[in-house]
Amino acid sequence: MNSLSTVLGGEKMSKKILVIFVALLAVSVYVAPVMAFGPENTEEKNPNVVIDGYNTQMWLPSGVMNEWIENPMAPGPFRVTLKDAAEFQIKTAIVPLSILEIFASENQWFYFSQDDFAAFRVLNGKDPALADNYIEGVYIKLIFVGW
């Protein structure tokens, strides 16, 4: 039965491979970017992040918006993921009968018309003018943070 050192060409060869592997691992850990997914660790230099009191918006390059909202009427803060219906199609999205229905299902995509999205923004104390950017409506999903 061959040992690993024999297969790799001797003990010196296996040590070289181990040193190279550890060096590559150290370099990859050092240069790999680390992104904190949440408003707590964002930097003010990032133009895609808007901090407004407790509420934070993060616009991704794909056009997706993540927003952390604290609504006094809700049991805790929640994260809203928003996709423009003109650019994305989510076939499993539900068309709610009421805008409040979205609070009953975490991590479920809903489709809101432009008017419904404006009403959702007003309900959460946010500026409804953002809905003007979404003529064809939006896909929206809530993640409850700390509930």
Protein backbone atom coordinates (compact mmCIF):
# COMPACT_ATOMS: atom_id res chain seq x y z
CA MET A 1 0.00 0.00 0.00
CA ASN A 2 1.43 3.38 -1.03
CA SER A 3 1.45 6.26 1.39
CA LEU A 4 0.62 9.79 0.30
CA SER A 5 4.26 10.86 0.46
CA THR A 6 5.29 8.01 -1.85
CA VAL A 7 2.54 8.83 -4.32
CA LEU A 8 3.50 12.52 -4.37
CA GLY A 9 7.16 11.77 -4.92
CA GLY A 10 8.50 11.66 -1.43
CA GLU A 11 8.12 13.47 1.85
CA LYS A 12 9.86 16.63 0.60
CA MET A 13 7.38 16.90 -2.29
CA SER A 14 4.36 16.56 0.02
CA LYS A 15 5.76 19.28 2.29
CA LYS A 16 6.22 21.57 -0.71
CA ILE A 17 2.65 20.97 -1.81
CA LEU A 18 1.41 21.61 1.73
CA VAL A 19 3.39 24.87 1.95
CA ILE A 20 2.06 26.00 -1.45
CA PHE A 21 -1.51 25.10 -0.45
CA VAL A 22 -1.28 26.97 2.86
CA ALA A 23 0.30 30.00 1.13
CA LEU A 24 -2.47 30.08 -1.50
CA LEU A 25 -5.11 29.72 1.19
CA ALA A 26 -3.58 32.60 3.18
CA VAL A 27 -3.42 34.83 0.11
CA SER A 28 -7.01 34.04 -0.89
CA VAL A 29 -8.29 34.83 2.61
CA TYR A 30 -6.33 38.08 2.63
CA VAL A 31 -7.49 39.37 -0.75
CA ALA A 32 -11.07 38.05 -0.75
CA PRO A 33 -13.52 40.91 -0.26
CA VAL A 34 -15.78 40.65 2.74
CA MET A 35 -19.21 42.26 2.55
CA ALA A 36 -21.40 42.66 5.60
CA PHE A 37 -24.99 42.16 4.45
CA GLY A 38 -26.80 44.71 6.51
CA PRO A 39 -26.88 48.38 7.27
CA GLU A 40 -24.77 48.17 10.42
CA ASN A 41 -21.46 47.82 8.57
CA THR A 42 -21.98 49.96 5.50
CA GLU A 43 -19.65 52.82 4.76
CA GLU A 44 -20.90 56.30 4.05
CA LYS A 45 -18.61 56.45 0.98
CA ASN A 46 -20.77 53.97 -0.91
CA PRO A 47 -23.12 55.88 -3.24
CA ASN A 48 -25.44 52.86 -3.48
CA VAL A 49 -26.27 53.03 0.22
CA VAL A 50 -28.72 55.59 1.59
CA ILE A 51 -29.01 55.89 5.37
CA ASP A 52 -32.06 57.75 6.68
CA GLY A 53 -32.24 57.43 10.46
CA TYR A 54 -33.00 53.80 11.23
CA ASN A 55 -33.96 53.04 7.65
CA THR A 56 -31.27 52.05 5.16
CA GLN A 57 -31.46 51.39 1.43
CA MET A 58 -28.85 49.47 -0.53
CA TRP A 59 -29.08 49.49 -4.32
CA LEU A 60 -27.32 46.55 -5.98
CA PRO A 61 -25.77 46.87 -9.46
CA SER A 62 -28.46 44.52 -10.80
CA GLY A 63 -31.14 47.09 -9.96
CA VAL A 64 -32.40 45.21 -6.91
CA MET A 65 -32.99 47.32 -3.81
CA ASN A 66 -32.69 46.07 -0.24
CA GLU A 67 -34.21 48.30 2.40
CA TRP A 68 -34.20 47.86 6.17
CA ILE A 69 -37.30 49.43 7.73
CA GLU A 70 -38.30 49.97 11.33
CA ASN A 71 -42.04 50.53 11.52
CA PRO A 72 -43.41 51.25 15.01
CA MET A 73 -46.58 49.29 14.12
CA ALA A 74 -44.56 46.16 13.24
CA PRO A 75 -43.18 43.84 15.94
CA GLY A 76 -39.64 44.48 14.75
CA PRO A 77 -37.49 45.65 11.86
CA PHE A 78 -37.72 43.97 8.49
CA ARG A 79 -35.78 43.88 5.25
CA VAL A 80 -37.57 44.56 1.99
CA THR A 81 -36.14 43.19 -1.26
CA LEU A 82 -37.51 45.02 -4.27
CA LYS A 83 -37.27 44.17 -7.98
CA ASP A 84 -38.59 46.27 -10.85
CA ALA A 85 -41.31 44.37 -12.72
CA ALA A 86 -40.11 45.96 -15.98
CA GLU A 87 -36.73 44.21 -15.61
CA PHE A 88 -37.55 41.02 -13.70
CA GLN A 89 -40.24 38.37 -13.97
CA ILE A 90 -41.03 36.19 -10.99
CA LYS A 91 -43.61 33.62 -11.98
CA THR A 92 -44.22 32.43 -8.42
CA ALA A 93 -45.15 35.90 -7.15
CA ILE A 94 -48.52 36.31 -5.48
CA VAL A 95 -50.83 39.22 -6.25
CA PRO A 96 -52.12 40.13 -2.78
CA LEU A 97 -55.74 41.05 -2.10
CA SER A 98 -54.50 43.66 0.40
CA ILE A 99 -51.12 45.32 0.90
CA LEU A 100 -51.19 44.04 4.50
CA GLU A 101 -51.13 40.46 3.21
CA ILE A 102 -47.40 40.78 2.62
CA PHE A 103 -46.82 40.79 6.40
CA ALA A 104 -48.37 37.32 6.71
CA SER A 105 -45.74 35.59 4.54
CA GLU A 106 -42.04 35.91 5.08
CA ASN A 107 -39.67 35.25 2.21
CA GLN A 108 -42.48 35.12 -0.39
CA TRP A 109 -42.47 37.24 -3.54
CA PHE A 110 -45.49 39.48 -4.07
CA TYR A 111 -46.38 41.65 -7.03
CA PHE A 112 -47.51 45.21 -6.27
CA SER A 113 -48.81 47.64 -8.84
CA GLN A 114 -47.34 51.13 -8.77
CA ASP A 115 -50.26 52.40 -6.67
CA ASP A 116 -50.08 49.50 -4.22
CA PHE A 117 -46.34 50.03 -3.82
CA ALA A 118 -46.92 53.73 -3.09
CA ALA A 119 -49.51 52.74 -0.47
CA PHE A 120 -47.04 50.23 1.05
CA ARG A 121 -44.45 53.02 1.31
CA VAL A 122 -46.94 55.34 3.04
CA LEU A 123 -47.94 52.55 5.44
CA ASN A 124 -44.30 52.26 6.52
CA GLY A 125 -43.73 56.01 6.85
CA LYS A 126 -41.64 56.22 3.69
CA ASP A 127 -41.82 58.60 0.75
CA PRO A 128 -44.31 57.22 -1.81
CA ALA A 129 -42.53 59.12 -4.62
CA LEU A 130 -40.19 56.13 -5.06
CA ALA A 131 -43.13 54.29 -6.66
CA ASP A 132 -43.00 56.77 -9.57
CA ASN A 133 -39.88 54.91 -10.77
CA TYR A 134 -41.83 51.64 -11.14
CA ILE A 135 -44.47 52.17 -13.81
CA GLU A 136 -45.01 48.43 -14.36
CA GLY A 137 -45.04 47.67 -10.63
CA VAL A 138 -42.62 45.83 -8.38
CA TYR A 139 -41.89 42.42 -6.95
CA ILE A 140 -41.41 42.68 -3.23
CA LYS A 141 -40.38 40.27 -0.48
CA LEU A 142 -40.05 40.76 3.29
CA ILE A 143 -37.54 39.16 5.64
CA PHE A 144 -38.34 39.76 9.30
CA VAL A 145 -35.19 40.72 11.20
CA GLY A 146 -35.20 39.58 14.81
CA TRP A 147 -38.89 38.63 15.04
